[in-house]
Amino acid sequence: MRQCKRKKGISSTVFYEIERGEESSLAFFFARPRLASIESYRYFSSVSDNKSETPMRLLTIVSTFILVLLLPRPILSQPSVLQAGPMVGYAQMTEVMLWVQTTRPAAVQFRYWPSDQPASKQTSSSVTTSADRSSVAHVLIAGLPPGRSFDYELLIDGKTIKRPYPLRFQTLPLWQWRTDPPDFSAAFGSCLYINETEWDRPGTPYGSDYEILTVLASKMPDLMLWLGDNTYYREIDWNTAAGLRHRWTHTRSTPELQAILGSAHNYAIWDDHDYGPNDADRSYRLKGEALETHKLFWANQTYGTPEIPGVFGKFEWGDVEFFLLDDRYHRSPNRAPNDEQKTMFGKDQLQWLLDGLVSSIATFKIVANGNQMLNPSTGGETFFNYRHEYETLLQFIKERRVPGVLFLSGDRHLTELIVLKDTTFYPLYDYTSSSLTAGLSWFKDTANVHIVPGTLVNDAHTFGVLRFSGPRRERVLTMECWDYRGTLRWTHTIRAQELRP
């Protein structure tokens, strides 16, 4: 993919030429402040493979989307009663959770139908938003058939709120004992900084390249994993519950963010900046309020356990089990002695992880955390700085011969793939993807000999995509790194057989 010359007079649009063999087509990655339908991405990514497409039809569709871009911004902006969303949360075989935020108390419903049966519409129960919950609603859609794709629309006070991009959700298939596991894709990223000049530090804005969120949506992942620093609390935010909610409302209202929220199933953990102050740990005095705020603005199915508070949890998608970790709520201070008492996760959460890994029968076990898990460096906030827990986890995986483990992380404001090779065990990978829009790190990490050559990216904002494919006994994971221009920076493929003791 190569970037073409920016067209004069359409400053908010970047054109790219995607080359496939002898043909090429224009794809629009719509940058801020306007959002256009993801259907345009689907069309333009497929048109070069369809030799029956005529130049006249291509010209017609190109012209149509140029007209969309030239519409006045209010036409494409959020309706006044809609603050943010809708967002798709967790999915199970028979139910999904939907989320939305209004600008005032209002009655919220969703109308939905199987994607291949548009006449079979149903309407959810009504939920009334309230000021004491920041006008946020979580609406459960239950009683659904497994393995189906649905389109949906939002109703506020009985009126349909049109959105200029597709709204979709799906239920998980009942594939066990019946078919091969489904192919699917999971996007992930971290460090989403949205500028608010009034409260930001003076100087160059820290957030940029918001168009990466539109590029992200164009990949149409089945699910999106938000790996921490999903917003950035400012000094004025983290000392009050109202400040925490303000920050989330401001970030969640970003126009470029809406398409990925509305069409992928979103799961989230936190790191320091969306938990509390920089490098915040278990001593943060508003950690209870921070946890409730996280639950309010996300739609995971579970948070912690009845006995152990936190944002950690796990879920399955096909033959993959995702373990989402909380590296803040129970964390010892970074400067605590690096002995057996120093903890990133707390004894109970770590035991929950060990139990989950050894009992899991998933082909791939994806362990996602805010901080890097396998970087053998004491610089920054890496798991290696919590040496006892680090060694306990790796030793457990090897001694119990747990297959299929792979780590995801964020935080570093750079992207890299780390691999720890052991002649007595399979290679362990940690794919770090950072950042989405926050300032980039120019650190080269040259002392880390475990970086897979060609995977260090610190010159552009990026996100990752994991693609799981193949028959049950020959599953393959393809890792991709995309930047904000829509350029594929690198890929790395791992066969499931390679992650077996």
Protein backbone atom coordinates (compact mmCIF):
# COMPACT_ATOMS: atom_id res chain seq x y z
CA MET A 1 0.00 0.00 0.00
CA ARG A 2 1.37 3.41 -0.85
CA GLN A 3 0.08 6.84 0.01
CA CYS A 4 -1.04 8.95 -2.93
CA LYS A 5 -0.87 12.68 -3.18
CA ARG A 6 -3.32 14.49 -0.91
CA LYS A 7 -6.05 16.08 -2.98
CA LYS A 8 -6.43 19.82 -2.70
CA GLY A 9 -9.68 21.09 -1.24
CA ILE A 10 -10.48 17.91 0.70
CA SER A 11 -8.21 18.42 3.66
CA SER A 12 -9.94 15.89 5.89
CA THR A 13 -9.52 12.97 3.50
CA VAL A 14 -6.44 10.90 2.81
CA PHE A 15 -6.42 8.84 -0.37
CA TYR A 16 -4.59 5.57 -0.65
CA GLU A 17 -3.96 3.35 -3.61
CA ILE A 18 -4.17 -0.35 -2.86
CA GLU A 19 -2.35 -2.43 -5.37
CA ARG A 20 -3.36 -6.02 -6.10
CA GLY A 21 -1.61 -7.62 -9.05
CA GLU A 22 -2.23 -5.52 -12.15
CA GLU A 23 -5.24 -3.69 -10.76
CA SER A 24 -5.72 -1.03 -8.16
CA SER A 25 -8.58 0.79 -6.51
CA LEU A 26 -9.05 3.86 -4.36
CA ALA A 27 -9.90 3.31 -0.73
CA PHE A 28 -11.07 6.12 1.48
CA PHE A 29 -9.82 6.21 5.03
CA PHE A 30 -11.93 9.02 6.37
CA ALA A 31 -10.03 11.25 8.74
CA ARG A 32 -11.50 13.61 11.30
CA PRO A 33 -13.85 15.31 11.61
CA ARG A 34 -16.18 13.36 9.32
CA LEU A 35 -17.17 9.71 9.48
CA ALA A 36 -18.48 7.76 6.49
CA SER A 37 -19.86 4.29 6.13
CA ILE A 38 -17.54 1.34 6.58
CA GLU A 39 -19.39 -0.13 3.64
CA SER A 40 -17.17 2.06 1.47
CA TYR A 41 -14.12 0.25 2.81
CA ARG A 42 -15.70 -3.12 2.08
CA TYR A 43 -16.49 -2.04 -1.47
CA PHE A 44 -13.14 -0.51 -2.28
CA SER A 45 -11.18 -3.38 -0.74
CA SER A 46 -13.05 -5.86 -2.92
CA VAL A 47 -13.60 -3.96 -6.15
CA SER A 48 -10.12 -4.75 -7.48
CA ASP A 49 -10.92 -8.45 -7.18
CA ASN A 50 -14.16 -8.06 -9.12
CA LYS A 51 -13.31 -7.81 -12.79
CA SER A 52 -16.97 -7.22 -13.68
CA GLU A 53 -16.93 -3.77 -12.11
CA THR A 54 -17.19 -1.06 -14.74
CA PRO A 55 -15.28 2.22 -14.63
CA MET A 56 -18.61 4.09 -14.73
CA ARG A 57 -19.90 2.31 -11.61
CA LEU A 58 -16.64 2.95 -9.80
CA LEU A 59 -16.85 6.63 -10.77
CA THR A 60 -20.44 6.78 -9.50
CA ILE A 61 -19.58 5.33 -6.09
CA VAL A 62 -16.47 7.49 -5.74
CA SER A 63 -18.56 10.55 -6.52
CA THR A 64 -21.17 9.52 -3.97
CA PHE A 65 -18.68 9.31 -1.13
CA ILE A 66 -17.02 12.58 -2.10
CA LEU A 67 -20.47 14.17 -1.76
CA VAL A 68 -20.79 12.57 1.70
CA LEU A 69 -17.51 14.16 2.70
CA LEU A 70 -18.62 17.56 1.50
CA LEU A 71 -21.81 17.52 3.56
CA PRO A 72 -21.89 20.10 6.37
CA ARG A 73 -20.42 18.66 9.55
CA PRO A 74 -23.64 18.95 11.61
CA ILE A 75 -25.28 16.40 9.32
CA LEU A 76 -22.69 13.78 10.30
CA SER A 77 -22.09 14.85 13.88
CA GLN A 78 -23.70 13.24 16.92
CA PRO A 79 -27.42 14.08 17.30
CA SER A 80 -27.93 16.44 20.23
CA VAL A 81 -29.58 13.80 22.42
CA LEU A 82 -26.81 11.24 21.71
CA GLN A 83 -23.57 11.79 23.63
CA ALA A 84 -21.59 8.71 22.61
CA GLY A 85 -22.08 5.29 21.10
CA PRO A 86 -23.78 3.02 20.63
CA MET A 87 -21.11 0.49 21.60
CA VAL A 88 -21.21 -3.29 21.35
CA GLY A 89 -19.97 -5.06 24.47
CA TYR A 90 -19.52 -8.72 25.29
CA ALA A 91 -21.04 -11.56 23.27
CA GLN A 92 -22.16 -15.06 24.22
CA MET A 93 -24.04 -17.71 22.23
CA THR A 94 -27.46 -16.33 23.13
CA GLU A 95 -26.92 -12.75 24.28
CA VAL A 96 -24.96 -9.53 23.81
CA MET A 97 -24.63 -6.30 25.77
CA LEU A 98 -25.10 -2.90 24.10
CA TRP A 99 -24.06 0.46 25.59
CA VAL A 100 -24.99 4.06 24.88
CA GLN A 101 -24.68 7.49 26.53
CA THR A 102 -27.20 10.30 26.13
CA THR A 103 -26.84 14.02 26.78
CA ARG A 104 -29.80 14.02 29.17
CA PRO A 105 -32.08 11.47 30.82
CA ALA A 106 -33.87 9.60 28.05
CA ALA A 107 -35.49 6.26 27.18
CA VAL A 108 -33.12 4.06 25.18
CA GLN A 109 -33.97 1.00 23.08
CA PHE A 110 -32.39 -1.00 20.28
CA ARG A 111 -34.10 -2.44 17.22
CA TYR A 112 -32.25 -5.43 15.76
CA TRP A 113 -32.64 -8.11 13.10
CA PRO A 114 -30.64 -10.95 11.50
CA SER A 115 -28.43 -9.43 8.82
CA ASP A 116 -29.96 -11.74 6.19
CA GLN A 117 -33.55 -11.13 7.36
CA PRO A 118 -34.10 -7.36 7.48
CA ALA A 119 -37.87 -7.81 7.79
CA SER A 120 -37.55 -9.76 11.07
CA LYS A 121 -37.11 -6.83 13.40
CA GLN A 122 -37.33 -7.01 17.18
CA THR A 123 -37.03 -4.28 19.80
CA SER A 124 -35.27 -4.50 23.14
CA SER A 125 -36.71 -3.45 26.45
CA SER A 126 -36.41 0.23 27.28
CA VAL A 127 -33.79 1.56 29.69
CA THR A 128 -33.99 5.12 30.99
CA THR A 129 -30.68 6.90 31.46
CA SER A 130 -30.15 9.07 34.53
CA ALA A 131 -27.81 11.87 35.57
CA ASP A 132 -26.47 9.88 38.53
CA ARG A 133 -25.06 7.33 36.03
CA SER A 134 -23.77 9.96 33.59
CA SER A 135 -26.77 9.19 31.35
CA VAL A 136 -25.27 5.80 30.46
CA ALA A 137 -27.36 2.75 29.60
CA HIS A 138 -26.42 -0.92 29.36
CA VAL A 139 -29.04 -2.85 27.42
CA LEU A 140 -28.98 -6.67 27.41
CA ILE A 141 -30.21 -8.39 24.24
CA ALA A 142 -31.02 -11.98 25.26
CA GLY A 143 -32.76 -15.00 23.78
CA LEU A 144 -30.78 -14.87 20.53
CA PRO A 145 -29.86 -17.86 18.35
CA PRO A 146 -26.14 -18.81 18.36
CA GLY A 147 -23.82 -18.13 15.48
CA ARG A 148 -25.82 -15.33 13.87
CA SER A 149 -24.93 -11.82 12.68
CA PHE A 150 -27.32 -8.97 13.39
CA ASP A 151 -27.76 -5.38 12.27
CA TYR A 152 -29.25 -2.91 14.72
CA GLU A 153 -30.32 0.68 15.21
CA LEU A 154 -30.67 2.98 18.21
CA LEU A 155 -33.90 4.50 19.43
CA ILE A 156 -33.94 7.37 21.92
CA ASP A 157 -37.34 8.45 23.25
CA GLY A 158 -38.90 6.31 20.54
CA LYS A 159 -37.09 8.02 17.67
CA THR A 160 -34.56 6.26 15.46
CA ILE A 161 -31.10 7.81 15.65
CA LYS A 162 -29.38 7.25 12.34
CA ARG A 163 -25.63 6.71 12.31
CA PRO A 164 -23.45 7.17 9.18
CA TYR A 165 -21.72 3.80 9.58
CA PRO A 166 -22.83 0.17 10.02
CA LEU A 167 -24.10 -1.03 13.40
CA ARG A 168 -23.58 -4.76 13.89
CA PHE A 169 -23.25 -7.44 16.54
CA GLN A 170 -23.02 -11.22 16.52
CA THR A 171 -23.60 -14.23 18.74
CA LEU A 172 -20.96 -16.88 19.25
CA PRO A 173 -21.45 -20.10 17.28
CA LEU A 174 -22.12 -23.48 18.87
CA TRP A 175 -19.26 -25.14 17.00
CA GLN A 176 -18.03 -27.63 19.61
CA TRP A 177 -18.46 -31.29 18.55
CA ARG A 178 -19.99 -30.07 15.30
CA THR A 179 -17.59 -28.16 13.05
CA ASP A 180 -14.14 -26.66 12.95
CA PRO A 181 -13.75 -23.58 15.16
CA PRO A 182 -14.66 -20.33 13.40
CA ASP A 183 -12.11 -18.09 11.75
CA PHE A 184 -12.15 -14.62 13.31
CA SER A 185 -10.07 -11.52 13.92
CA ALA A 186 -9.34 -9.54 17.08
CA ALA A 187 -7.91 -6.03 16.96
CA PHE A 188 -6.13 -4.50 19.93
CA GLY A 189 -4.38 -1.32 20.98
CA SER A 190 -3.57 1.01 23.85
CA CYS A 191 -2.82 4.61 24.77
CA LEU A 192 -5.72 6.66 23.39
CA TYR A 193 -5.14 10.32 24.19
CA ILE A 194 -7.83 12.79 23.09
CA ASN A 195 -6.85 16.43 23.45
CA GLU A 196 -8.87 18.85 25.56
CA THR A 197 -6.97 22.12 25.33
CA GLU A 198 -8.50 23.70 28.42
CA TRP A 199 -7.06 21.02 30.71
CA ASP A 200 -4.04 19.78 28.76
CA ARG A 201 -0.48 20.77 29.56
CA PRO A 202 0.81 23.74 27.55
CA GLY A 203 2.73 23.10 24.35
CA THR A 204 2.32 20.72 21.45
CA PRO A 205 -0.88 18.65 21.76
CA TYR A 206 -0.09 15.15 23.05
CA GLY A 207 -2.79 13.42 21.01
CA SER A 208 -2.76 13.17 17.21
CA ASP A 209 -3.63 11.00 14.20
CA TYR A 210 -7.19 10.28 15.34
CA GLU A 211 -7.82 8.87 11.87
CA ILE A 212 -6.20 5.64 13.08
CA LEU A 213 -9.57 4.83 14.68
CA THR A 214 -11.26 4.97 11.28
CA VAL A 215 -8.56 2.80 9.75
CA LEU A 216 -9.07 0.40 12.66
CA ALA A 217 -12.81 0.21 11.96
CA SER A 218 -12.12 -0.43 8.27
CA LYS A 219 -10.46 -3.76 9.18
CA MET A 220 -13.87 -4.92 10.49
CA PRO A 221 -12.52 -7.04 13.38
CA ASP A 222 -14.94 -9.27 15.23
CA LEU A 223 -13.72 -7.90 18.54
CA MET A 224 -11.55 -5.09 19.86
CA LEU A 225 -9.33 -5.39 22.94
CA TRP A 226 -8.52 -2.10 24.68
CA LEU A 227 -5.33 -2.76 26.67
CA GLY A 228 -5.17 0.22 28.98
CA ASP A 229 -4.60 3.98 28.91
CA ASN A 230 -7.86 3.99 26.97
CA THR A 231 -8.26 7.54 28.17
CA TYR A 232 -5.84 9.82 30.03
CA TYR A 233 -6.95 11.36 33.31
CA ARG A 234 -5.59 14.88 33.78
CA GLU A 235 -4.63 16.53 37.06
CA ILE A 236 -8.08 18.07 37.27
CA ASP A 237 -9.75 14.66 36.84
CA TRP A 238 -8.25 12.07 39.15
CA ASN A 239 -9.18 13.58 42.54
CA THR A 240 -12.97 13.39 42.08
CA ALA A 241 -15.42 10.83 40.76
CA ALA A 242 -17.00 13.59 38.67
CA GLY A 243 -13.61 14.25 37.09
CA LEU A 244 -13.19 10.59 36.16
CA ARG A 245 -16.59 10.54 34.50
CA HIS A 246 -15.94 13.79 32.67
CA ARG A 247 -12.78 12.40 31.16
CA TRP A 248 -14.51 9.26 29.95
CA THR A 249 -17.42 11.22 28.52
CA HIS A 250 -15.03 13.49 26.65
CA THR A 251 -12.96 10.64 25.18
CA ARG A 252 -15.94 8.41 24.40
CA SER A 253 -17.56 11.25 22.39
CA THR A 254 -14.71 11.41 19.85
CA PRO A 255 -16.32 11.21 16.36
CA GLU A 256 -13.63 8.97 14.87
CA LEU A 257 -14.17 6.45 17.69
CA GLN A 258 -17.83 5.75 17.03
CA ALA A 259 -17.57 3.32 14.11
CA ILE A 260 -15.35 0.76 15.88
CA LEU A 261 -17.52 1.00 19.01
CA GLY A 262 -20.66 0.30 17.04
CA SER A 263 -19.52 -2.62 14.89
CA ALA A 264 -17.01 -4.69 16.93
CA HIS A 265 -17.40 -6.36 20.31
CA ASN A 266 -15.35 -4.24 22.71
CA TYR A 267 -13.52 -5.57 25.79
CA ALA A 268 -11.32 -3.43 28.03
CA ILE A 269 -8.81 -3.47 30.86
CA TRP A 270 -6.92 -0.49 32.26
CA ASP A 271 -3.42 0.76 32.94
CA ASP A 272 -2.29 3.71 35.03
CA HIS A 273 -3.73 6.63 33.03
CA ASP A 274 -7.31 5.31 32.91
CA TYR A 275 -7.06 4.09 36.52
CA GLY A 276 -5.62 7.17 38.23
CA PRO A 277 -2.47 9.33 38.15
CA ASN A 278 0.71 8.34 36.31
CA ASP A 279 2.16 5.07 37.69
CA ALA A 280 -0.80 4.73 40.09
CA ASP A 281 -0.90 1.63 42.30
CA ARG A 282 -3.03 0.07 45.06
CA SER A 283 -2.58 3.18 47.23
CA TYR A 284 -4.67 5.37 44.88
CA ARG A 285 -7.40 6.68 47.16
CA LEU A 286 -10.16 6.71 44.52
CA LYS A 287 -9.52 3.20 43.24
CA GLY A 288 -13.05 2.14 44.21
CA GLU A 289 -14.54 5.04 42.25
CA ALA A 290 -12.18 4.28 39.35
CA LEU A 291 -13.43 0.67 39.25
CA GLU A 292 -17.07 1.75 39.21
CA THR A 293 -16.33 4.28 36.47
CA HIS A 294 -14.64 1.60 34.36
CA LYS A 295 -17.68 -0.65 34.75
CA LEU A 296 -19.95 2.24 33.82
CA PHE A 297 -18.18 3.05 30.55
CA TRP A 298 -17.41 -0.48 29.37
CA ALA A 299 -19.50 -3.61 28.86
CA ASN A 300 -17.38 -6.64 29.75
CA GLN A 301 -19.42 -9.53 31.07
CA THR A 302 -17.47 -9.81 34.34
CA TYR A 303 -15.04 -7.77 36.42
CA GLY A 304 -12.89 -9.60 38.95
CA THR A 305 -14.54 -12.29 41.05
CA PRO A 306 -17.03 -12.05 43.94
CA GLU A 307 -14.06 -12.23 46.34
CA ILE A 308 -11.44 -10.23 44.38
CA PRO A 309 -12.24 -6.76 43.00
CA GLY A 310 -10.66 -5.53 39.78
CA VAL A 311 -11.17 -5.29 36.03
CA PHE A 312 -9.66 -8.70 35.26
CA GLY A 313 -11.70 -11.45 33.63
CA LYS A 314 -11.72 -14.02 30.87
CA PHE A 315 -13.87 -14.99 27.90
CA GLU A 316 -13.83 -17.43 24.99
CA TRP A 317 -14.17 -16.73 21.30
CA GLY A 318 -14.07 -19.85 19.14
CA ASP A 319 -11.15 -22.00 20.27
CA VAL A 320 -9.34 -19.03 21.83
CA GLU A 321 -9.54 -18.02 25.49
CA PHE A 322 -8.66 -14.47 26.44
CA PHE A 323 -7.36 -13.69 29.93
CA LEU A 324 -7.66 -9.98 30.73
CA LEU A 325 -5.45 -8.82 33.61
CA ASP A 326 -5.64 -5.93 36.09
CA ASP A 327 -2.15 -4.56 36.73
CA ARG A 328 -3.20 -1.61 38.97
CA TYR A 329 -5.83 -2.33 41.63
CA HIS A 330 -3.63 -4.70 43.69
CA ARG A 331 -0.22 -3.40 42.54
CA SER A 332 2.67 -2.65 44.89
CA PRO A 333 4.42 0.68 44.33
CA ASN A 334 7.00 0.53 41.54
CA ARG A 335 9.75 1.52 43.98
CA ALA A 336 8.94 -1.19 46.51
CA PRO A 337 11.77 -3.72 47.12
CA ASN A 338 11.84 -6.32 44.35
CA ASP A 339 11.26 -9.24 46.70
CA GLU A 340 8.58 -11.89 47.20
CA GLN A 341 6.18 -9.32 48.66
CA LYS A 342 6.22 -7.09 45.58
CA THR A 343 3.20 -7.78 43.41
CA MET A 344 1.71 -6.52 40.17
CA PHE A 345 -1.47 -8.58 40.31
CA GLY A 346 -1.89 -9.59 43.93
CA LYS A 347 -1.66 -13.18 45.15
CA ASP A 348 -5.33 -13.97 44.52
CA GLN A 349 -5.46 -12.64 40.96
CA LEU A 350 -2.24 -14.43 40.07
CA GLN A 351 -3.66 -17.70 41.41
CA TRP A 352 -6.84 -17.06 39.37
CA LEU A 353 -4.65 -16.75 36.26
CA LEU A 354 -2.65 -19.90 37.00
CA ASP A 355 -5.82 -21.89 37.63
CA GLY A 356 -7.38 -20.59 34.45
CA LEU A 357 -4.38 -21.39 32.27
CA VAL A 358 -3.94 -24.95 33.49
CA SER A 359 -7.65 -25.76 33.20
CA SER A 360 -8.15 -24.15 29.78
CA ILE A 361 -8.60 -26.44 26.77
CA ALA A 362 -8.39 -23.55 24.27
CA THR A 363 -6.00 -23.88 21.33
CA PHE A 364 -4.64 -20.40 22.02
CA LYS A 365 -4.56 -18.78 25.46
CA ILE A 366 -4.14 -15.02 25.02
CA VAL A 367 -3.00 -13.25 28.20
CA ALA A 368 -3.56 -9.49 27.88
CA ASN A 369 -2.06 -6.92 30.24
CA GLY A 370 -1.39 -3.19 30.32
CA ASN A 371 2.36 -3.49 31.03
CA GLN A 372 4.76 -5.63 29.04
CA MET A 373 4.94 -9.20 30.28
CA LEU A 374 8.13 -10.67 28.80
CA ASN A 375 10.52 -7.76 28.33
CA PRO A 376 13.56 -8.77 30.47
CA SER A 377 14.32 -5.17 31.34
CA THR A 378 14.09 -3.27 34.60
CA GLY A 379 13.48 0.00 32.73
CA GLY A 380 9.92 1.29 32.72
CA GLU A 381 6.93 -0.54 34.16
CA THR A 382 7.60 -4.08 32.98
CA PHE A 383 6.51 -7.31 34.69
CA PHE A 384 10.20 -8.17 35.08
CA ASN A 385 10.34 -5.51 37.82
CA TYR A 386 8.08 -7.81 39.83
CA ARG A 387 10.59 -10.62 39.67
CA HIS A 388 8.94 -13.12 42.00
CA GLU A 389 5.61 -13.05 40.16
CA TYR A 390 7.38 -13.02 36.80
CA GLU A 391 9.34 -16.17 37.61
CA THR A 392 6.33 -17.82 39.24
CA LEU A 393 4.18 -17.39 36.12
CA LEU A 394 6.80 -18.54 33.61
CA GLN A 395 7.88 -21.46 35.75
CA PHE A 396 4.26 -22.54 36.18
CA ILE A 397 3.59 -22.50 32.43
CA LYS A 398 6.68 -24.61 31.79
CA GLU A 399 6.30 -27.05 34.68
CA ARG A 400 2.60 -27.66 33.97
CA ARG A 401 3.38 -27.74 30.23
CA VAL A 402 0.53 -25.38 29.36
CA PRO A 403 0.24 -25.14 25.56
CA GLY A 404 -0.76 -22.20 23.39
CA VAL A 405 0.11 -19.26 25.65
CA LEU A 406 0.76 -15.87 24.02
CA PHE A 407 0.90 -12.43 25.67
CA LEU A 408 -0.44 -9.04 24.55
CA SER A 409 0.51 -5.71 26.11
CA GLY A 410 0.55 -1.94 25.62
CA ASP A 411 1.90 1.04 27.59
CA ARG A 412 5.28 1.55 25.91
CA HIS A 413 4.29 4.06 23.18
CA LEU A 414 6.02 1.80 20.68
CA THR A 415 5.21 -1.50 19.03
CA GLU A 416 7.35 -4.62 19.12
CA LEU A 417 7.14 -8.40 19.19
CA ILE A 418 9.27 -10.06 21.87
CA VAL A 419 10.07 -13.76 21.89
CA LEU A 420 11.74 -15.74 24.68
CA LYS A 421 13.26 -18.92 23.32
CA ASP A 422 14.01 -21.93 25.50
CA THR A 423 15.44 -25.18 24.19
CA THR A 424 13.33 -27.08 26.72
CA PHE A 425 10.04 -25.35 25.89
CA TYR A 426 8.18 -23.63 23.08
CA PRO A 427 8.86 -19.93 22.35
CA LEU A 428 6.85 -17.44 24.39
CA TYR A 429 5.68 -14.28 22.58
CA ASP A 430 4.65 -10.86 23.87
CA TYR A 431 3.09 -8.60 21.22
CA THR A 432 3.16 -4.98 22.44
CA SER A 433 0.99 -2.50 20.51
CA SER A 434 1.21 1.17 21.50
CA SER A 435 0.16 3.83 20.98
CA LEU A 436 -3.10 4.65 19.23
CA THR A 437 -2.94 8.44 19.49
CA ALA A 438 -0.72 9.37 22.46
CA GLY A 439 2.80 10.73 21.94
CA LEU A 440 5.31 8.29 20.52
CA SER A 441 8.48 7.03 22.16
CA TRP A 442 11.72 7.27 20.21
CA PHE A 443 13.32 4.65 22.44
CA LYS A 444 15.00 1.99 20.26
CA ASP A 445 15.13 -0.78 22.91
CA THR A 446 18.45 -1.79 21.38
CA ALA A 447 19.57 -3.68 24.50
CA ASN A 448 16.66 -6.10 24.16
CA VAL A 449 17.97 -9.01 22.09
CA HIS A 450 14.58 -10.73 22.26
CA ILE A 451 12.81 -8.40 19.81
CA VAL A 452 11.79 -10.20 16.62
CA PRO A 453 13.72 -8.41 13.84
CA GLY A 454 11.64 -5.95 11.86
CA THR A 455 8.83 -5.61 14.41
CA LEU A 456 9.93 -2.47 16.28
CA VAL A 457 7.75 0.47 15.18
CA ASN A 458 8.17 3.80 16.94
CA ASP A 459 7.67 6.26 14.08
CA ALA A 460 3.87 6.00 13.76
CA HIS A 461 0.72 5.34 15.74
CA THR A 462 -0.30 1.69 15.40
CA PHE A 463 -2.77 -1.01 16.33
CA GLY A 464 -2.54 -4.79 16.13
CA VAL A 465 -4.75 -7.44 14.56
CA LEU A 466 -4.79 -11.15 15.40
CA ARG A 467 -6.30 -13.46 12.76
CA PHE A 468 -7.19 -17.00 13.80
CA SER A 469 -7.85 -19.44 10.98
CA GLY A 470 -7.63 -23.03 9.76
CA PRO A 471 -9.16 -26.39 10.64
CA ARG A 472 -9.25 -27.51 14.27
CA ARG A 473 -6.02 -29.51 14.20
CA GLU A 474 -4.13 -27.01 12.03
CA ARG A 475 -4.99 -23.65 13.55
CA VAL A 476 -2.88 -20.66 12.58
CA LEU A 477 -2.45 -17.26 14.22
CA THR A 478 -1.37 -14.36 12.02
CA MET A 479 -0.28 -11.20 13.83
CA GLU A 480 -0.46 -7.91 11.95
CA CYS A 481 0.74 -4.39 12.75
CA TRP A 482 -1.09 -1.50 11.06
CA ASP A 483 -0.30 2.20 11.27
CA TYR A 484 -2.58 5.24 11.17
CA ARG A 485 -2.11 5.64 7.41
CA GLY A 486 -3.49 2.18 6.77
CA THR A 487 -0.05 0.75 6.00
CA LEU A 488 0.65 -2.85 7.01
CA ARG A 489 4.00 -2.57 8.78
CA TRP A 490 4.65 -6.26 9.46
CA THR A 491 3.09 -9.68 9.87
CA HIS A 492 4.19 -12.74 11.83
CA THR A 493 2.54 -16.15 11.59
CA ILE A 494 2.51 -18.85 14.27
CA ARG A 495 1.05 -22.34 13.88
CA ALA A 496 -0.65 -23.78 16.94
CA GLN A 497 1.70 -26.76 16.80
CA GLU A 498 4.61 -24.39 17.42
CA LEU A 499 3.18 -23.47 20.83
CA ARG A 500 3.15 -26.97 22.26
CA PRO A 501 5.66 -28.28 24.86
